[in-house]
Amino acid sequence: MLILKIFRRPEWDQFRAAGQTLGAPIDLADGFIHFSTPAQVVETAARHFATESDLVLVACEIDRLGQALKWEESRGGALFPHLYRPLLLEDVVWDKSLPLGASGHIFPEGLL
């Protein structure tokens, strides 16, 4: 199963250069890296990145993340995947641009 992380372009560039990341400022503040499932990611983008257009959507396979991946209650009682270790570049299955269109972000075809 794939889980998804949205990065701002500078965060993604820094992650790629370093080979690992502890996430965005919100991740650092919360002490874990926030992910979404494909069913959750549209709302995540709308809620936290509504006006941002230079984004990168990153997919990770949950089996690669091991015991550091925890499913915890968040928005409205839904379980969200949270990673309690650095995210490594080799954990990433694919990355795609996530542009902002007239009616919201444009997700890769076939993802949702």
Protein backbone atom coordinates (compact mmCIF):
# COMPACT_ATOMS: atom_id res chain seq x y z
CA MET A 1 0.00 0.00 0.00
CA LEU A 2 1.24 3.46 -0.89
CA ILE A 3 1.14 6.43 1.45
CA LEU A 4 1.77 9.98 0.34
CA LYS A 5 3.69 13.03 1.55
CA ILE A 6 3.41 16.54 0.12
CA PHE A 7 6.59 18.61 0.04
CA ARG A 8 7.15 22.20 -0.97
CA ARG A 9 9.73 22.29 -3.77
CA PRO A 10 12.58 23.67 -1.59
CA GLU A 11 11.90 20.98 1.04
CA TRP A 12 12.00 18.29 -1.66
CA ASP A 13 15.21 19.69 -3.15
CA GLN A 14 16.85 19.72 0.29
CA PHE A 15 15.65 16.15 0.95
CA ARG A 16 17.06 14.93 -2.37
CA ALA A 17 20.40 16.62 -1.73
CA ALA A 18 20.72 15.23 1.81
CA GLY A 19 19.28 11.76 1.11
CA GLN A 20 17.02 11.98 4.15
CA THR A 21 14.65 14.35 5.92
CA LEU A 22 12.87 14.84 9.21
CA GLY A 23 10.12 16.56 7.22
CA ALA A 24 8.60 20.01 7.01
CA PRO A 25 8.41 22.48 9.91
CA ILE A 26 5.08 20.95 11.07
CA ASP A 27 6.69 17.51 11.14
CA LEU A 28 9.62 18.81 13.19
CA ALA A 29 7.22 20.51 15.63
CA ASP A 30 5.07 17.37 16.02
CA GLY A 31 7.99 14.92 16.28
CA PHE A 32 6.96 12.71 13.35
CA ILE A 33 6.52 12.89 9.58
CA HIS A 34 2.90 13.29 8.48
CA PHE A 35 1.65 11.12 5.62
CA SER A 36 -1.77 10.63 4.03
CA THR A 37 -3.40 7.71 2.30
CA PRO A 38 -4.61 8.26 -1.28
CA ALA A 39 -8.13 8.68 0.14
CA GLN A 40 -6.93 11.41 2.53
CA VAL A 41 -4.45 13.35 0.41
CA VAL A 42 -6.90 15.61 -1.45
CA GLU A 43 -8.21 17.01 1.84
CA THR A 44 -4.65 17.30 3.19
CA ALA A 45 -3.64 19.36 0.13
CA ALA A 46 -6.72 21.57 0.39
CA ARG A 47 -6.35 22.10 4.12
CA HIS A 48 -2.60 22.69 4.41
CA PHE A 49 -1.47 23.77 0.92
CA ALA A 50 -4.56 25.47 -0.52
CA THR A 51 -2.76 28.34 -2.30
CA GLU A 52 0.60 26.65 -2.94
CA SER A 53 1.45 25.53 -6.44
CA ASP A 54 5.10 24.41 -6.46
CA LEU A 55 4.56 21.14 -4.62
CA VAL A 56 5.91 17.63 -4.97
CA LEU A 57 3.85 14.54 -4.16
CA VAL A 58 5.96 11.66 -2.87
CA ALA A 59 4.81 8.05 -2.56
CA CYS A 60 6.23 5.47 -0.16
CA GLU A 61 5.41 1.79 0.22
CA ILE A 62 4.39 1.12 3.83
CA ASP A 63 6.33 -2.17 3.89
CA ARG A 64 9.59 -0.23 3.40
CA LEU A 65 9.01 1.95 6.46
CA GLY A 66 8.98 -0.77 9.09
CA GLN A 67 7.98 -0.47 12.73
CA ALA A 68 8.59 3.31 12.78
CA LEU A 69 5.32 3.79 10.86
CA LYS A 70 2.37 4.21 13.22
CA TRP A 71 -1.32 4.67 12.37
CA GLU A 72 -2.72 7.32 14.69
CA GLU A 73 -6.01 9.12 15.09
CA SER A 74 -6.18 12.60 13.61
CA ARG A 75 -8.79 14.62 11.63
CA GLY A 76 -12.25 13.53 12.59
CA GLY A 77 -10.99 10.34 14.22
CA ALA A 78 -9.47 8.98 11.00
CA LEU A 79 -6.24 6.99 11.23
CA PHE A 80 -3.29 8.67 9.54
CA PRO A 81 0.18 7.23 8.91
CA HIS A 82 2.95 8.91 10.92
CA LEU A 83 6.64 8.07 10.55
CA TYR A 84 8.82 8.21 13.66
CA ARG A 85 12.22 8.15 11.99
CA PRO A 86 13.93 10.10 9.21
CA LEU A 87 12.48 9.51 5.77
CA LEU A 88 15.19 8.17 3.48
CA LEU A 89 15.41 8.84 -0.22
CA GLU A 90 15.46 5.08 -0.82
CA ASP A 91 12.03 4.88 0.91
CA VAL A 92 10.52 6.89 -1.96
CA VAL A 93 8.79 4.83 -4.68
CA TRP A 94 8.03 7.84 -6.92
CA ASP A 95 7.70 11.61 -6.91
CA LYS A 96 5.49 13.78 -9.09
CA SER A 97 4.75 17.48 -9.38
CA LEU A 98 1.50 18.54 -7.72
CA PRO A 99 0.36 21.68 -9.55
CA LEU A 100 -2.47 23.92 -8.46
CA GLY A 101 -5.32 24.15 -10.94
CA ALA A 102 -8.39 26.38 -11.03
CA SER A 103 -10.35 24.06 -8.73
CA GLY A 104 -7.59 22.65 -6.54
CA HIS A 105 -4.48 20.55 -6.89
CA ILE A 106 -4.10 18.29 -9.91
CA PHE A 107 -3.19 14.81 -8.74
CA PRO A 108 -1.47 12.19 -10.92
CA GLU A 109 -3.88 10.24 -13.09
CA GLY A 110 -4.96 6.91 -11.60
CA LEU A 111 -3.90 7.78 -8.05
CA LEU A 112 -7.28 8.59 -6.52
